[in-house]
Amino acid sequence: MHIEGSVSMPGVRDEVERHARVRVSYWDVDGNKRSEESEGLRAVCHQHEIDQLNGLF
């Protein structure tokens, strides 16, 4: 667990538990489906951004 905040919501912080490693799938700007694994800080960033897209943080 760690404290996490967001530049899009200044002053809002909360304790969050994240997976250390994730696989994300997405479409790139050319419409090609992509997939990648990430770990550490990059994995935390992926999870944070996906949560924001889903209206969770």
N, C-alpha and C. Protein backbone atom coordinates (compact mmCIF):
# COMPACT_ATOMS: atom_id res chain seq x y z
N MET A 1 0.84 -1.17 0.00
CA MET A 1 0.00 0.00 0.00
C MET A 1 0.88 1.24 0.00
N HIS A 2 0.42 2.26 -0.70
CA HIS A 2 1.10 3.54 -0.70
C HIS A 2 0.08 4.66 -0.91
N ILE A 3 0.48 5.87 -0.61
CA ILE A 3 -0.38 7.02 -0.81
C ILE A 3 -0.24 7.48 -2.26
N GLU A 4 -1.37 7.69 -2.92
CA GLU A 4 -1.37 8.07 -4.33
C GLU A 4 -2.27 9.28 -4.52
N GLY A 5 -1.85 10.16 -5.40
CA GLY A 5 -2.63 11.33 -5.75
C GLY A 5 -2.65 11.50 -7.26
N SER A 6 -3.23 12.61 -7.72
CA SER A 6 -3.33 12.85 -9.15
C SER A 6 -3.22 14.33 -9.45
N VAL A 7 -2.51 14.67 -10.51
CA VAL A 7 -2.40 16.07 -10.90
C VAL A 7 -3.74 16.61 -11.40
N SER A 8 -4.64 15.73 -11.83
CA SER A 8 -5.95 16.19 -12.30
C SER A 8 -6.91 16.48 -11.14
N MET A 9 -6.54 16.05 -9.92
CA MET A 9 -7.36 16.32 -8.74
C MET A 9 -6.44 16.76 -7.60
N PRO A 10 -5.92 17.99 -7.65
CA PRO A 10 -4.97 18.45 -6.64
C PRO A 10 -5.55 18.35 -5.23
N GLY A 11 -4.70 17.88 -4.31
CA GLY A 11 -5.10 17.78 -2.92
C GLY A 11 -5.82 16.50 -2.55
N VAL A 12 -6.24 15.72 -3.54
CA VAL A 12 -6.93 14.45 -3.27
C VAL A 12 -5.88 13.34 -3.25
N ARG A 13 -5.78 12.67 -2.12
CA ARG A 13 -4.83 11.57 -1.96
C ARG A 13 -5.51 10.45 -1.21
N ASP A 14 -5.09 9.23 -1.46
CA ASP A 14 -5.66 8.09 -0.75
C ASP A 14 -4.65 6.95 -0.73
N GLU A 15 -4.85 6.04 0.19
CA GLU A 15 -4.00 4.85 0.27
C GLU A 15 -4.51 3.84 -0.76
N VAL A 16 -3.62 3.34 -1.59
CA VAL A 16 -4.00 2.47 -2.70
C VAL A 16 -3.08 1.26 -2.73
N GLU A 17 -3.65 0.10 -3.02
CA GLU A 17 -2.86 -1.11 -3.22
C GLU A 17 -2.85 -1.42 -4.71
N ARG A 18 -1.67 -1.64 -5.26
CA ARG A 18 -1.52 -1.91 -6.69
C ARG A 18 -0.77 -3.21 -6.91
N HIS A 19 -1.04 -3.84 -8.05
CA HIS A 19 -0.26 -5.01 -8.45
C HIS A 19 1.13 -4.56 -8.89
N ALA A 20 2.13 -5.38 -8.62
CA ALA A 20 3.51 -5.04 -8.98
C ALA A 20 3.78 -5.24 -10.47
N ARG A 21 2.94 -6.07 -11.12
CA ARG A 21 3.14 -6.37 -12.54
C ARG A 21 1.77 -6.50 -13.20
N VAL A 22 1.62 -5.93 -14.40
CA VAL A 22 0.35 -6.00 -15.13
C VAL A 22 0.59 -6.18 -16.62
N ARG A 23 -0.45 -6.66 -17.30
CA ARG A 23 -0.46 -6.70 -18.77
C ARG A 23 -1.62 -5.83 -19.20
N VAL A 24 -1.37 -4.89 -20.10
CA VAL A 24 -2.42 -4.02 -20.62
C VAL A 24 -2.55 -4.21 -22.12
N SER A 25 -3.77 -4.12 -22.60
CA SER A 25 -4.05 -4.17 -24.04
C SER A 25 -4.70 -2.86 -24.43
N TYR A 26 -4.38 -2.37 -25.62
CA TYR A 26 -4.88 -1.07 -26.07
C TYR A 26 -4.75 -0.98 -27.59
N TRP A 27 -5.39 0.03 -28.15
CA TRP A 27 -5.25 0.32 -29.57
C TRP A 27 -4.38 1.55 -29.72
N ASP A 28 -3.39 1.49 -30.60
CA ASP A 28 -2.52 2.64 -30.80
C ASP A 28 -3.18 3.67 -31.72
N VAL A 29 -2.50 4.78 -31.98
CA VAL A 29 -3.09 5.87 -32.77
C VAL A 29 -3.38 5.45 -34.21
N ASP A 30 -2.77 4.36 -34.67
CA ASP A 30 -3.03 3.86 -36.03
C ASP A 30 -4.12 2.80 -36.06
N GLY A 31 -4.72 2.50 -34.89
CA GLY A 31 -5.79 1.51 -34.83
C GLY A 31 -5.32 0.08 -34.68
N ASN A 32 -4.04 -0.12 -34.40
CA ASN A 32 -3.51 -1.47 -34.21
C ASN A 32 -3.64 -1.89 -32.75
N LYS A 33 -4.11 -3.12 -32.51
CA LYS A 33 -4.22 -3.61 -31.15
C LYS A 33 -2.82 -3.97 -30.64
N ARG A 34 -2.51 -3.50 -29.45
CA ARG A 34 -1.21 -3.73 -28.82
C ARG A 34 -1.42 -4.31 -27.43
N SER A 35 -0.38 -4.95 -26.91
CA SER A 35 -0.40 -5.48 -25.57
C SER A 35 1.02 -5.37 -25.02
N GLU A 36 1.14 -5.05 -23.74
CA GLU A 36 2.46 -4.99 -23.13
C GLU A 36 2.38 -5.31 -21.65
N GLU A 37 3.47 -5.85 -21.12
CA GLU A 37 3.59 -6.09 -19.70
C GLU A 37 4.42 -4.97 -19.10
N SER A 38 4.08 -4.60 -17.88
CA SER A 38 4.87 -3.60 -17.18
C SER A 38 5.00 -4.01 -15.73
N GLU A 39 6.02 -3.47 -15.07
CA GLU A 39 6.19 -3.75 -13.65
C GLU A 39 6.73 -2.51 -12.95
N GLY A 40 6.66 -2.52 -11.64
CA GLY A 40 7.15 -1.39 -10.87
C GLY A 40 6.33 -0.13 -11.09
N LEU A 41 7.02 1.01 -11.17
CA LEU A 41 6.34 2.30 -11.30
C LEU A 41 5.48 2.37 -12.56
N ARG A 42 5.96 1.81 -13.66
CA ARG A 42 5.16 1.83 -14.91
C ARG A 42 3.84 1.06 -14.73
N ALA A 43 3.89 -0.06 -14.02
CA ALA A 43 2.67 -0.83 -13.75
C ALA A 43 1.70 -0.02 -12.88
N VAL A 44 2.24 0.68 -11.89
CA VAL A 44 1.40 1.54 -11.03
C VAL A 44 0.76 2.63 -11.88
N CYS A 45 1.52 3.25 -12.76
CA CYS A 45 0.98 4.31 -13.63
C CYS A 45 -0.12 3.78 -14.54
N HIS A 46 0.09 2.61 -15.14
CA HIS A 46 -0.94 2.02 -15.99
C HIS A 46 -2.23 1.83 -15.19
N GLN A 47 -2.14 1.26 -13.99
CA GLN A 47 -3.32 1.01 -13.18
C GLN A 47 -4.01 2.31 -12.77
N HIS A 48 -3.22 3.31 -12.42
CA HIS A 48 -3.76 4.61 -12.02
C HIS A 48 -4.55 5.24 -13.17
N GLU A 49 -3.98 5.25 -14.35
CA GLU A 49 -4.65 5.86 -15.51
C GLU A 49 -5.89 5.10 -15.90
N ILE A 50 -5.86 3.78 -15.84
CA ILE A 50 -7.05 2.98 -16.16
C ILE A 50 -8.15 3.25 -15.13
N ASP A 51 -7.78 3.36 -13.86
CA ASP A 51 -8.77 3.73 -12.83
C ASP A 51 -9.40 5.07 -13.14
N GLN A 52 -8.59 6.05 -13.55
CA GLN A 52 -9.14 7.37 -13.87
C GLN A 52 -10.10 7.29 -15.06
N LEU A 53 -9.75 6.52 -16.08
CA LEU A 53 -10.65 6.35 -17.23
C LEU A 53 -11.97 5.71 -16.81
N ASN A 54 -11.92 4.86 -15.80
CA ASN A 54 -13.12 4.18 -15.30
C ASN A 54 -13.83 4.96 -14.20
N GLY A 55 -13.34 6.17 -13.91
CA GLY A 55 -13.99 7.04 -12.92
C GLY A 55 -13.76 6.62 -11.48
N LEU A 56 -12.70 5.86 -11.21
CA LEU A 56 -12.46 5.35 -9.86
C LEU A 56 -11.55 6.24 -9.02
N PHE A 57 -10.66 7.00 -9.64
CA PHE A 57 -9.73 7.84 -8.88
C PHE A 57 -9.53 9.14 -9.62
